[in-house]
């Protein structure tokens, strides 16, 4: 099943060379693969990262720096949807607690743009 996850997420197989460096063996590293296009259409990738509001970026920062989840600058559409759900939860709890909207306005998602 790992090969399915690697295929759909655009991950590559990394192998270690004789001198200890990692080498990538993937045709999707060129950035123009079919799954990359599907991911971008779904709201992921670099274009999706540009469409995030400040709270989504804060969620990415916490995941990267404090939870050790690695680089958050090129997430899949599913990861970005998860981050959006987290930020929506935070906004909802803030409103329930304070009675006012969260100070940072939520950006509308643009799919396939």
PDB file of N, CA and C in Angstrom:
ATOM      1  N   UNK A   1       0.800  -1.190   0.000  1.00  0.00           N
ATOM      2  CA  UNK A   1       0.000   0.000   0.000  1.00  0.00           C
ATOM      3  C   UNK A   1       0.849   1.262   0.000  1.00  0.00           C
ATOM      4  N   UNK A   2       2.099   1.167   0.430  1.00  0.00           N
ATOM      5  CA  UNK A   2       2.957   2.349   0.433  1.00  0.00           C
ATOM      6  C   UNK A   2       3.154   2.903  -0.969  1.00  0.00           C
ATOM      7  N   UNK A   3       3.207   2.018  -1.959  1.00  0.00           N
ATOM      8  CA  UNK A   3       3.417   2.502  -3.319  1.00  0.00           C
ATOM      9  C   UNK A   3       2.231   3.330  -3.793  1.00  0.00           C
ATOM     10  N   UNK A   4       1.008   3.003  -3.319  1.00  0.00           N
ATOM     11  CA  UNK A   4      -0.169   3.783  -3.690  1.00  0.00           C
ATOM     12  C   UNK A   4      -0.071   5.176  -3.074  1.00  0.00           C
ATOM     13  N   UNK A   5       0.329   5.248  -1.798  1.00  0.00           N
ATOM     14  CA  UNK A   5       0.480   6.537  -1.133  1.00  0.00           C
ATOM     15  C   UNK A   5       1.551   7.372  -1.830  1.00  0.00           C
ATOM     16  N   UNK A   6       2.667   6.742  -2.199  1.00  0.00           N
ATOM     17  CA  UNK A   6       3.734   7.467  -2.881  1.00  0.00           C
ATOM     18  C   UNK A   6       3.285   7.951  -4.254  1.00  0.00           C
ATOM     19  N   UNK A   7       2.500   7.122  -4.944  1.00  0.00           N
ATOM     20  CA  UNK A   7       2.025   7.497  -6.274  1.00  0.00           C
ATOM     21  C   UNK A   7       1.069   8.680  -6.204  1.00  0.00           C
ATOM     22  N   UNK A   8       0.119   8.609  -5.256  1.00  0.00           N
ATOM     23  CA  UNK A   8      -0.892   9.658  -5.186  1.00  0.00           C
ATOM     24  C   UNK A   8      -0.383  10.940  -4.558  1.00  0.00           C
ATOM     25  N   UNK A   9       0.629  10.847  -3.686  1.00  0.00           N
ATOM     26  CA  UNK A   9       1.125  12.063  -3.047  1.00  0.00           C
ATOM     27  C   UNK A   9       2.299  12.667  -3.784  1.00  0.00           C
ATOM     28  N   UNK A  10       2.835  11.977  -4.784  1.00  0.00           N
ATOM     29  CA  UNK A  10       3.963  12.506  -5.534  1.00  0.00           C
ATOM     30  C   UNK A  10       5.284  12.316  -4.825  1.00  0.00           C
ATOM     31  N   UNK A  11       5.306  11.490  -3.756  1.00  0.00           N
ATOM     32  CA  UNK A  11       6.553  11.248  -3.061  1.00  0.00           C
ATOM     33  C   UNK A  11       7.456  10.387  -3.929  1.00  0.00           C
ATOM     34  N   UNK A  12       8.739  10.474  -3.667  1.00  0.00           N
ATOM     35  CA  UNK A  12       9.684   9.700  -4.449  1.00  0.00           C
ATOM     36  C   UNK A  12      10.360   8.655  -3.572  1.00  0.00           C
ATOM     37  N   UNK A  13      10.905   7.645  -4.205  1.00  0.00           N
ATOM     38  CA  UNK A  13      11.714   6.668  -3.503  1.00  0.00           C
ATOM     39  C   UNK A  13      13.100   7.253  -3.345  1.00  0.00           C
ATOM     40  N   UNK A  14      13.590   7.276  -2.114  1.00  0.00           N
ATOM     41  CA  UNK A  14      14.934   7.768  -1.865  1.00  0.00           C
ATOM     42  C   UNK A  14      15.846   6.594  -1.584  1.00  0.00           C
ATOM     43  N   UNK A  15      16.997   6.603  -2.205  1.00  0.00           N
ATOM     44  CA  UNK A  15      17.989   5.584  -1.958  1.00  0.00           C
ATOM     45  C   UNK A  15      19.270   6.262  -1.530  1.00  0.00           C
ATOM     46  N   UNK A  16      20.041   5.550  -0.704  1.00  0.00           N
ATOM     47  CA  UNK A  16      21.285   6.110  -0.234  1.00  0.00           C
ATOM     48  C   UNK A  16      22.409   5.671  -1.154  1.00  0.00           C
ATOM     49  N   UNK A  17      23.244   6.633  -1.531  1.00  0.00           N
ATOM     50  CA  UNK A  17      24.383   6.313  -2.387  1.00  0.00           C
ATOM     51  C   UNK A  17      25.521   5.778  -1.527  1.00  0.00           C
ATOM     52  N   UNK A  18      26.593   5.379  -2.159  1.00  0.00           N
ATOM     53  CA  UNK A  18      27.727   4.795  -1.457  1.00  0.00           C
ATOM     54  C   UNK A  18      28.352   5.771  -0.467  1.00  0.00           C
ATOM     55  N   UNK A  19      28.307   7.071  -0.753  1.00  0.00           N
ATOM     56  CA  UNK A  19      28.914   8.047   0.156  1.00  0.00           C
ATOM     57  C   UNK A  19      27.937   8.561   1.211  1.00  0.00           C
ATOM     58  N   UNK A  20      26.732   7.964   1.325  1.00  0.00           N
ATOM     59  CA  UNK A  20      25.801   8.299   2.381  1.00  0.00           C
ATOM     60  C   UNK A  20      24.769   9.352   2.030  1.00  0.00           C
ATOM     61  N   UNK A  21      24.846   9.944   0.841  1.00  0.00           N
ATOM     62  CA  UNK A  21      23.863  10.953   0.462  1.00  0.00           C
ATOM     63  C   UNK A  21      22.613  10.281  -0.093  1.00  0.00           C
ATOM     64  N   UNK A  22      21.480  10.955   0.092  1.00  0.00           N
ATOM     65  CA  UNK A  22      20.226  10.424  -0.458  1.00  0.00           C
ATOM     66  C   UNK A  22      20.069  10.884  -1.891  1.00  0.00           C
ATOM     67  N   UNK A  23      19.605   9.966  -2.731  1.00  0.00           N
ATOM     68  CA  UNK A  23      19.350  10.274  -4.134  1.00  0.00           C
ATOM     69  C   UNK A  23      17.894  10.010  -4.420  1.00  0.00           C
ATOM     70  N   UNK A  24      17.266  10.890  -5.183  1.00  0.00           N
ATOM     71  CA  UNK A  24      15.866  10.705  -5.542  1.00  0.00           C
ATOM     72  C   UNK A  24      15.747   9.980  -6.862  1.00  0.00           C
ATOM     73  N   UNK A  25      14.798   9.049  -6.904  1.00  0.00           N
ATOM     74  CA  UNK A  25      14.501   8.317  -8.132  1.00  0.00           C
ATOM     75  C   UNK A  25      13.031   8.517  -8.453  1.00  0.00           C
ATOM     76  N   UNK A  26      12.691   9.694  -8.940  1.00  0.00           N
ATOM     77  CA  UNK A  26      11.294   9.971  -9.208  1.00  0.00           C
ATOM     78  C   UNK A  26      11.158  10.894 -10.395  1.00  0.00           C
ATOM     79  N   UNK A  27      10.199  10.578 -11.254  1.00  0.00           N
ATOM     80  CA  UNK A  27       9.942  11.457 -12.385  1.00  0.00           C
ATOM     81  C   UNK A  27       9.055  12.612 -11.977  1.00  0.00           C
ATOM     82  N   UNK A  28       8.379  12.509 -10.807  1.00  0.00           N
ATOM     83  CA  UNK A  28       7.499  13.582 -10.364  1.00  0.00           C
ATOM     84  C   UNK A  28       8.265  14.737  -9.743  1.00  0.00           C
ATOM     85  N   UNK A  29       9.578  14.582  -9.515  1.00  0.00           N
ATOM     86  CA  UNK A  29      10.345  15.663  -8.917  1.00  0.00           C
ATOM     87  C   UNK A  29      10.505  16.828  -9.881  1.00  0.00           C
ATOM     88  N   UNK A  30      10.194  16.624 -11.152  1.00  0.00           N
ATOM     89  CA  UNK A  30      10.263  17.715 -12.113  1.00  0.00           C
ATOM     90  C   UNK A  30       9.111  18.692 -11.929  1.00  0.00           C
ATOM     91  N   UNK A  31       8.081  18.310 -11.165  1.00  0.00           N
ATOM     92  CA  UNK A  31       6.975  19.210 -10.857  1.00  0.00           C
ATOM     93  C   UNK A  31       5.869  19.215 -11.891  1.00  0.00           C
ATOM     94  N   UNK A  32       5.946  18.399 -12.926  1.00  0.00           N
ATOM     95  CA  UNK A  32       4.933  18.441 -13.954  1.00  0.00           C
ATOM     96  C   UNK A  32       4.151  17.164 -14.094  1.00  0.00           C
ATOM     97  N   UNK A  33       4.165  16.299 -13.057  1.00  0.00           N
ATOM     98  CA  UNK A  33       3.472  15.029 -13.133  1.00  0.00           C
ATOM     99  C   UNK A  33       1.963  15.173 -13.072  1.00  0.00           C
ATOM    100  N   UNK A  34       1.289  14.148 -13.513  1.00  0.00           N
ATOM    101  CA  UNK A  34      -0.174  14.137 -13.537  1.00  0.00           C
ATOM    102  C   UNK A  34      -0.750  14.333 -12.141  1.00  0.00           C
ATOM    103  N   UNK A  35      -0.206  13.619 -11.148  1.00  0.00           N
ATOM    104  CA  UNK A  35      -0.729  13.728  -9.799  1.00  0.00           C
ATOM    105  C   UNK A  35      -0.462  15.102  -9.208  1.00  0.00           C
ATOM    106  N   UNK A  36       0.618  15.751  -9.619  1.00  0.00           N
ATOM    107  CA  UNK A  36       0.876  17.123  -9.180  1.00  0.00           C
ATOM    108  C   UNK A  36      -0.217  18.056  -9.686  1.00  0.00           C
ATOM    109  N   UNK A  37      -0.628  17.861 -10.929  1.00  0.00           N
ATOM    110  CA  UNK A  37      -1.695  18.684 -11.511  1.00  0.00           C
ATOM    111  C   UNK A  37      -3.026  18.432 -10.803  1.00  0.00           C
ATOM    112  N   UNK A  38      -3.318  17.168 -10.494  1.00  0.00           N
ATOM    113  CA  UNK A  38      -4.546  16.829  -9.779  1.00  0.00           C
ATOM    114  C   UNK A  38      -4.519  17.464  -8.388  1.00  0.00           C
ATOM    115  N   UNK A  39      -3.369  17.393  -7.718  1.00  0.00           N
ATOM    116  CA  UNK A  39      -3.210  17.975  -6.393  1.00  0.00           C
ATOM    117  C   UNK A  39      -3.432  19.488  -6.428  1.00  0.00           C
ATOM    118  N   UNK A  40      -2.849  20.161  -7.410  1.00  0.00           N
ATOM    119  CA  UNK A  40      -3.016  21.612  -7.528  1.00  0.00           C
ATOM    120  C   UNK A  40      -4.469  21.967  -7.824  1.00  0.00           C
ATOM    121  N   UNK A  41      -5.121  21.166  -8.649  1.00  0.00           N
ATOM    122  CA  UNK A  41      -6.531  21.416  -8.962  1.00  0.00           C
ATOM    123  C   UNK A  41      -7.389  21.287  -7.712  1.00  0.00           C
ATOM    124  N   UNK A  42      -7.005  20.378  -6.817  1.00  0.00           N
ATOM    125  CA  UNK A  42      -7.749  20.176  -5.576  1.00  0.00           C
ATOM    126  C   UNK A  42      -7.440  21.205  -4.504  1.00  0.00           C
ATOM    127  N   UNK A  43      -6.510  22.115  -4.776  1.00  0.00           N
ATOM    128  CA  UNK A  43      -6.202  23.166  -3.816  1.00  0.00           C
ATOM    129  C   UNK A  43      -4.902  22.951  -3.075  1.00  0.00           C
ATOM    130  N   UNK A  44      -4.098  21.990  -3.495  1.00  0.00           N
ATOM    131  CA  UNK A  44      -2.832  21.731  -2.819  1.00  0.00           C
ATOM    132  C   UNK A  44      -1.652  22.334  -3.552  1.00  0.00           C
ATOM    133  N   UNK A  45      -0.469  22.002  -3.094  1.00  0.00           N
ATOM    134  CA  UNK A  45       0.753  22.464  -3.736  1.00  0.00           C
ATOM    135  C   UNK A  45       1.083  23.910  -3.411  1.00  0.00           C
ATOM    136  N   UNK A  46       2.035  24.454  -4.142  1.00  0.00           N
ATOM    137  CA  UNK A  46       2.500  25.830  -3.910  1.00  0.00           C
ATOM    138  C   UNK A  46       1.382  26.853  -4.099  1.00  0.00           C
ATOM    139  N   UNK A  47       0.530  26.637  -5.093  1.00  0.00           N
ATOM    140  CA  UNK A  47      -0.563  27.587  -5.329  1.00  0.00           C
ATOM    141  C   UNK A  47      -1.545  27.593  -4.156  1.00  0.00           C
ATOM    142  N   UNK A  48      -1.784  26.441  -3.587  1.00  0.00           N
ATOM    143  CA  UNK A  48      -2.674  26.360  -2.427  1.00  0.00           C
ATOM    144  C   UNK A  48      -2.080  27.044  -1.208  1.00  0.00           C
ATOM    145  N   UNK A  49      -0.768  26.961  -1.052  1.00  0.00           N
ATOM    146  CA  UNK A  49      -0.100  27.618   0.064  1.00  0.00           C
ATOM    147  C   UNK A  49      -0.235  29.137  -0.040  1.00  0.00           C
ATOM    148  N   UNK A  50      -0.236  29.665  -1.260  1.00  0.00           N
ATOM    149  CA  UNK A  50      -0.379  31.107  -1.456  1.00  0.00           C
ATOM    150  C   UNK A  50      -1.785  31.580  -1.092  1.00  0.00           C
ATOM    151  N   UNK A  51      -2.735  30.676  -1.065  1.00  0.00           N
ATOM    152  CA  UNK A  51      -4.132  31.009  -0.820  1.00  0.00           C
ATOM    153  C   UNK A  51      -4.506  30.891   0.657  1.00  0.00           C
ATOM    154  N   UNK A  52      -3.538  30.637   1.546  1.00  0.00           N
ATOM    155  CA  UNK A  52      -3.825  30.469   2.962  1.00  0.00           C
ATOM    156  C   UNK A  52      -3.915  31.813   3.677  1.00  0.00           C
ATOM    157  N   UNK A  53      -4.786  31.863   4.687  1.00  0.00           N
ATOM    158  CA  UNK A  53      -4.842  33.057   5.527  1.00  0.00           C
ATOM    159  C   UNK A  53      -3.822  32.922   6.658  1.00  0.00           C
ATOM    160  N   UNK A  54      -3.731  33.946   7.501  1.00  0.00           N
ATOM    161  CA  UNK A  54      -2.706  33.979   8.553  1.00  0.00           C
ATOM    162  C   UNK A  54      -2.892  32.851   9.576  1.00  0.00           C
ATOM    163  N   UNK A  55      -4.132  32.484   9.891  1.00  0.00           N
ATOM    164  CA  UNK A  55      -4.352  31.402  10.855  1.00  0.00           C
ATOM    165  C   UNK A  55      -3.909  30.059  10.278  1.00  0.00           C
ATOM    166  N   UNK A  56      -4.169  29.821   8.990  1.00  0.00           N
ATOM    167  CA  UNK A  56      -3.699  28.587   8.350  1.00  0.00           C
ATOM    168  C   UNK A  56      -2.172  28.521   8.372  1.00  0.00           C
ATOM    169  N   UNK A  57      -1.524  29.648   8.132  1.00  0.00           N
ATOM    170  CA  UNK A  57      -0.061  29.701   8.178  1.00  0.00           C
ATOM    171  C   UNK A  57       0.451  29.448   9.597  1.00  0.00           C
ATOM    172  N   UNK A  58      -0.282  29.936  10.598  1.00  0.00           N
ATOM    173  CA  UNK A  58       0.091  29.681  11.990  1.00  0.00           C
ATOM    174  C   UNK A  58      -0.040  28.197  12.327  1.00  0.00           C
ATOM    175  N   UNK A  59      -1.090  27.552  11.815  1.00  0.00           N
ATOM    176  CA  UNK A  59      -1.262  26.112  12.026  1.00  0.00           C
ATOM    177  C   UNK A  59      -0.085  25.361  11.391  1.00  0.00           C
ATOM    178  N   UNK A  60       0.309  25.747  10.171  1.00  0.00           N
ATOM    179  CA  UNK A  60       1.472  25.142   9.519  1.00  0.00           C
ATOM    180  C   UNK A  60       2.734  25.334  10.350  1.00  0.00           C
ATOM    181  N   UNK A  61       2.922  26.540  10.898  1.00  0.00           N
ATOM    182  CA  UNK A  61       4.104  26.846  11.703  1.00  0.00           C
ATOM    183  C   UNK A  61       4.175  25.936  12.926  1.00  0.00           C
ATOM    184  N   UNK A  62       3.057  25.776  13.634  1.00  0.00           N
ATOM    185  CA  UNK A  62       3.029  24.925  14.822  1.00  0.00           C
ATOM    186  C   UNK A  62       3.314  23.473  14.438  1.00  0.00           C
ATOM    187  N   UNK A  63       2.729  23.012  13.326  1.00  0.00           N
ATOM    188  CA  UNK A  63       2.964  21.630  12.896  1.00  0.00           C
ATOM    189  C   UNK A  63       4.435  21.402  12.568  1.00  0.00           C
ATOM    190  N   UNK A  64       5.051  22.371  11.916  1.00  0.00           N
ATOM    191  CA  UNK A  64       6.447  22.217  11.489  1.00  0.00           C
ATOM    192  C   UNK A  64       7.422  22.359  12.653  1.00  0.00           C
ATOM    193  N   UNK A  65       7.280  23.419  13.442  1.00  0.00           N
ATOM    194  CA  UNK A  65       8.276  23.744  14.472  1.00  0.00           C
ATOM    195  C   UNK A  65       8.086  22.983  15.770  1.00  0.00           C
ATOM    196  N   UNK A  66       6.840  22.756  16.193  1.00  0.00           N
ATOM    197  CA  UNK A  66       6.597  22.160  17.498  1.00  0.00           C
ATOM    198  C   UNK A  66       6.170  20.695  17.443  1.00  0.00           C
ATOM    199  N   UNK A  67       5.510  20.298  16.369  1.00  0.00           N
ATOM    200  CA  UNK A  67       5.050  18.919  16.260  1.00  0.00           C
ATOM    201  C   UNK A  67       5.962  18.064  15.394  1.00  0.00           C
ATOM    202  N   UNK A  68       6.971  18.690  14.769  1.00  0.00           N
ATOM    203  CA  UNK A  68       7.955  17.950  13.988  1.00  0.00           C
ATOM    204  C   UNK A  68       7.399  17.264  12.756  1.00  0.00           C
ATOM    205  N   UNK A  69       6.417  17.857  12.101  1.00  0.00           N
ATOM    206  CA  UNK A  69       5.804  17.227  10.930  1.00  0.00           C
ATOM    207  C   UNK A  69       6.486  17.608   9.633  1.00  0.00           C
ATOM    208  N   UNK A  70       7.634  18.261   9.702  1.00  0.00           N
ATOM    209  CA  UNK A  70       8.393  18.567   8.494  1.00  0.00           C
ATOM    210  C   UNK A  70       7.902  19.799   7.760  1.00  0.00           C
ATOM    211  N   UNK A  71       8.496  20.022   6.615  1.00  0.00           N
ATOM    212  CA  UNK A  71       8.233  21.196   5.804  1.00  0.00           C
ATOM    213  C   UNK A  71       6.757  21.274   5.409  1.00  0.00           C
ATOM    214  N   UNK A  72       6.155  22.416   5.613  1.00  0.00           N
ATOM    215  CA  UNK A  72       4.739  22.620   5.331  1.00  0.00           C
ATOM    216  C   UNK A  72       4.528  23.528   4.130  1.00  0.00           C
ATOM    217  N   UNK A  73       5.569  23.747   3.326  1.00  0.00           N
ATOM    218  CA  UNK A  73       5.471  24.730   2.247  1.00  0.00           C
ATOM    219  C   UNK A  73       4.899  24.174   0.948  1.00  0.00           C
ATOM    220  N   UNK A  74       4.687  22.869   0.867  1.00  0.00           N
ATOM    221  CA  UNK A  74       4.148  22.284  -0.357  1.00  0.00           C
ATOM    222  C   UNK A  74       3.262  21.094   0.012  1.00  0.00           C
ATOM    223  N   UNK A  75       2.176  21.376   0.702  1.00  0.00           N
ATOM    224  CA  UNK A  75       1.300  20.323   1.198  1.00  0.00           C
ATOM    225  C   UNK A  75       0.339  19.825   0.121  1.00  0.00           C
ATOM    226  N   UNK A  76      -0.131  18.601   0.312  1.00  0.00           N
ATOM    227  CA  UNK A  76      -1.141  18.057  -0.588  1.00  0.00           C
ATOM    228  C   UNK A  76      -2.479  18.724  -0.291  1.00  0.00           C
ATOM    229  N   UNK A  77      -3.425  18.536  -1.182  1.00  0.00           N
ATOM    230  CA  UNK A  77      -4.757  19.102  -0.990  1.00  0.00           C
ATOM    231  C   UNK A  77      -5.401  18.545   0.274  1.00  0.00           C
ATOM    232  N   UNK A  78      -5.180  17.270   0.573  1.00  0.00           N
ATOM    233  CA  UNK A  78      -5.751  16.661   1.774  1.00  0.00           C
ATOM    234  C   UNK A  78      -5.159  17.277   3.037  1.00  0.00           C
ATOM    235  N   UNK A  79      -3.850  17.513   3.046  1.00  0.00           N
ATOM    236  CA  UNK A  79      -3.212  18.136   4.208  1.00  0.00           C
ATOM    237  C   UNK A  79      -3.715  19.560   4.401  1.00  0.00           C
ATOM    238  N   UNK A  80      -3.914  20.275   3.296  1.00  0.00           N
ATOM    239  CA  UNK A  80      -4.419  21.639   3.405  1.00  0.00           C
ATOM    240  C   UNK A  80      -5.864  21.655   3.888  1.00  0.00           C
ATOM    241  N   UNK A  81      -6.649  20.673   3.484  1.00  0.00           N
ATOM    242  CA  UNK A  81      -8.031  20.573   3.962  1.00  0.00           C
ATOM    243  C   UNK A  81      -8.042  20.290   5.465  1.00  0.00           C
ATOM    244  N   UNK A  82      -7.112  19.462   5.922  1.00  0.00           N
ATOM    245  CA  UNK A  82      -6.997  19.177   7.354  1.00  0.00           C
ATOM    246  C   UNK A  82      -6.630  20.448   8.114  1.00  0.00           C
ATOM    247  N   UNK A  83      -5.674  21.212   7.603  1.00  0.00           N
ATOM    248  CA  UNK A  83      -5.282  22.473   8.239  1.00  0.00           C
ATOM    249  C   UNK A  83      -6.449  23.460   8.267  1.00  0.00           C
ATOM    250  N   UNK A  84      -7.223  23.509   7.216  1.00  0.00           N
ATOM    251  CA  UNK A  84      -8.389  24.396   7.154  1.00  0.00           C
ATOM    252  C   UNK A  84      -9.420  23.977   8.196  1.00  0.00           C
ATOM    253  N   UNK A  85      -9.595  22.659   8.379  1.00  0.00           N
ATOM    254  CA  UNK A  85     -10.531  22.179   9.397  1.00  0.00           C
ATOM    255  C   UNK A  85     -10.054  22.567  10.796  1.00  0.00           C
ATOM    256  N   UNK A  86      -8.754  22.492  11.038  1.00  0.00           N
ATOM    257  CA  UNK A  86      -8.187  22.894  12.328  1.00  0.00           C
ATOM    258  C   UNK A  86      -8.430  24.385  12.561  1.00  0.00           C
ATOM    259  N   UNK A  87      -8.152  25.198  11.547  1.00  0.00           N
ATOM    260  CA  UNK A  87      -8.342  26.641  11.714  1.00  0.00           C
ATOM    261  C   UNK A  87      -9.827  26.989  11.879  1.00  0.00           C
ATOM    262  N   UNK A  88     -10.721  26.276  11.191  1.00  0.00           N
ATOM    263  CA  UNK A  88     -12.162  26.502  11.368  1.00  0.00           C
ATOM    264  C   UNK A  88     -12.609  26.138  12.782  1.00  0.00           C
ATOM    265  N   UNK A  89     -12.033  25.064  13.338  1.00  0.00           N
ATOM    266  CA  UNK A  89     -12.326  24.662  14.712  1.00  0.00           C
ATOM    267  C   UNK A  89     -11.878  25.756  15.682  1.00  0.00           C
ATOM    268  N   UNK A  90     -10.669  26.288  15.468  1.00  0.00           N
ATOM    269  CA  UNK A  90     -10.151  27.357  16.321  1.00  0.00           C
ATOM    270  C   UNK A  90     -11.067  28.582  16.247  1.00  0.00           C
ATOM    271  N   UNK A  91     -11.475  28.947  15.030  1.00  0.00           N
ATOM    272  CA  UNK A  91     -12.369  30.095  14.858  1.00  0.00           C
ATOM    273  C   UNK A  91     -13.699  29.876  15.590  1.00  0.00           C
ATOM    274  N   UNK A  92     -14.243  28.666  15.483  1.00  0.00           N
ATOM    275  CA  UNK A  92     -15.511  28.354  16.138  1.00  0.00           C
ATOM    276  C   UNK A  92     -15.407  28.426  17.652  1.00  0.00           C
ATOM    277  N   UNK A  93     -14.347  27.852  18.213  1.00  0.00           N
ATOM    278  CA  UNK A  93     -14.163  27.872  19.665  1.00  0.00           C
ATOM    279  C   UNK A  93     -13.907  29.292  20.163  1.00  0.00           C
ATOM    280  N   UNK A  94     -13.189  30.091  19.378  1.00  0.00           N
ATOM    281  CA  UNK A  94     -12.942  31.486  19.742  1.00  0.00           C
ATOM    282  C   UNK A  94     -14.266  32.246  19.811  1.00  0.00           C
ATOM    283  N   UNK A  95     -15.123  32.029  18.811  1.00  0.00           N
ATOM    284  CA  UNK A  95     -16.422  32.713  18.778  1.00  0.00           C
ATOM    285  C   UNK A  95     -17.314  32.248  19.921  1.00  0.00           C
ATOM    286  N   UNK A  96     -17.301  30.934  20.219  1.00  0.00           N
ATOM    287  CA  UNK A  96     -18.102  30.409  21.331  1.00  0.00           C
ATOM    288  C   UNK A  96     -17.646  31.002  22.664  1.00  0.00           C
ATOM    289  N   UNK A  97     -16.343  31.185  22.808  1.00  0.00           N
ATOM    290  CA  UNK A  97     -15.788  31.673  24.068  1.00  0.00           C
ATOM    291  C   UNK A  97     -15.944  33.178  24.236  1.00  0.00           C
ATOM    292  N   UNK A  98     -15.634  33.930  23.188  1.00  0.00           N
ATOM    293  CA  UNK A  98     -15.621  35.388  23.311  1.00  0.00           C
ATOM    294  C   UNK A  98     -16.903  36.046  22.813  1.00  0.00           C
ATOM    295  N   UNK A  99     -17.651  35.389  21.958  1.00  0.00           N
ATOM    296  CA  UNK A  99     -18.850  35.977  21.384  1.00  0.00           C
ATOM    297  C   UNK A  99     -18.591  36.822  20.154  1.00  0.00           C
ATOM    298  N   UNK A 100     -17.324  36.966  19.778  1.00  0.00           N
ATOM    299  CA  UNK A 100     -17.000  37.745  18.579  1.00  0.00           C
ATOM    300  C   UNK A 100     -16.191  36.881  17.611  1.00  0.00           C
ATOM    301  N   UNK A 101     -16.144  37.329  16.362  1.00  0.00           N
ATOM    302  CA  UNK A 101     -15.398  36.590  15.343  1.00  0.00           C
ATOM    303  C   UNK A 101     -13.900  36.657  15.609  1.00  0.00           C
ATOM    304  N   UNK A 102     -13.193  35.658  15.081  1.00  0.00           N
ATOM    305  CA  UNK A 102     -11.732  35.627  15.189  1.00  0.00           C
ATOM    306  C   UNK A 102     -11.166  36.836  14.438  1.00  0.00           C
ATOM    307  N   UNK A 103     -10.133  37.503  14.987  1.00  0.00           N
ATOM    308  CA  UNK A 103      -9.633  38.737  14.371  1.00  0.00           C
ATOM    309  C   UNK A 103      -9.067  38.591  12.964  1.00  0.00           C
ATOM    310  N   UNK A 104      -8.658  37.401  12.578  1.00  0.00           N
ATOM    311  CA  UNK A 104      -8.108  37.184  11.237  1.00  0.00           C
ATOM    312  C   UNK A 104      -9.200  36.582  10.362  1.00  0.00           C
ATOM    313  N   UNK A 105      -9.543  37.280   9.290  1.00  0.00           N
ATOM    314  CA  UNK A 105     -10.614  36.835   8.409  1.00  0.00           C
ATOM    315  C   UNK A 105     -10.201  35.587   7.622  1.00  0.00           C
ATOM    316  N   UNK A 106     -11.164  34.680   7.449  1.00  0.00           N
ATOM    317  CA  UNK A 106     -10.925  33.443   6.710  1.00  0.00           C
ATOM    318  C   UNK A 106     -10.961  33.726   5.212  1.00  0.00           C
ATOM    319  N   UNK A 107      -9.938  33.255   4.484  1.00  0.00           N
ATOM    320  CA  UNK A 107      -9.909  33.407   3.022  1.00  0.00           C
ATOM    321  C   UNK A 107     -10.734  32.303   2.384  1.00  0.00           C
ATOM    322  N   UNK A 108     -11.406  32.648   1.305  1.00  0.00           N
ATOM    323  CA  UNK A 108     -12.135  31.632   0.544  1.00  0.00           C
ATOM    324  C   UNK A 108     -11.144  30.817  -0.268  1.00  0.00           C
ATOM    325  N   UNK A 109     -11.374  29.497  -0.321  1.00  0.00           N
ATOM    326  CA  UNK A 109     -10.519  28.618  -1.106  1.00  0.00           C
ATOM    327  C   UNK A 109     -10.830  28.773  -2.574  1.00  0.00           C
ATOM    328  N   UNK A 110      -9.773  28.794  -3.387  1.00  0.00           N
ATOM    329  CA  UNK A 110      -9.932  28.840  -4.837  1.00  0.00           C
ATOM    330  C   UNK A 110      -9.361  27.540  -5.393  1.00  0.00           C
ATOM    331  N   UNK A 111     -10.232  26.689  -5.887  1.00  0.00           N
ATOM    332  CA  UNK A 111      -9.809  25.404  -6.423  1.00  0.00           C
ATOM    333  C   UNK A 111      -9.519  25.517  -7.913  1.00  0.00           C
ATOM    334  N   UNK A 112      -8.433  24.891  -8.329  1.00  0.00           N
ATOM    335  CA  UNK A 112      -8.097  24.838  -9.745  1.00  0.00           C
ATOM    336  C   UNK A 112      -7.634  26.139 -10.329  1.00  0.00           C
ATOM    337  N   UNK A 113      -7.324  27.099  -9.483  1.00  0.00           N
ATOM    338  CA  UNK A 113      -6.885  28.413  -9.996  1.00  0.00           C
ATOM    339  C   UNK A 113      -5.393  28.474 -10.159  1.00  0.00           C
TER     340      UNK A 113
END
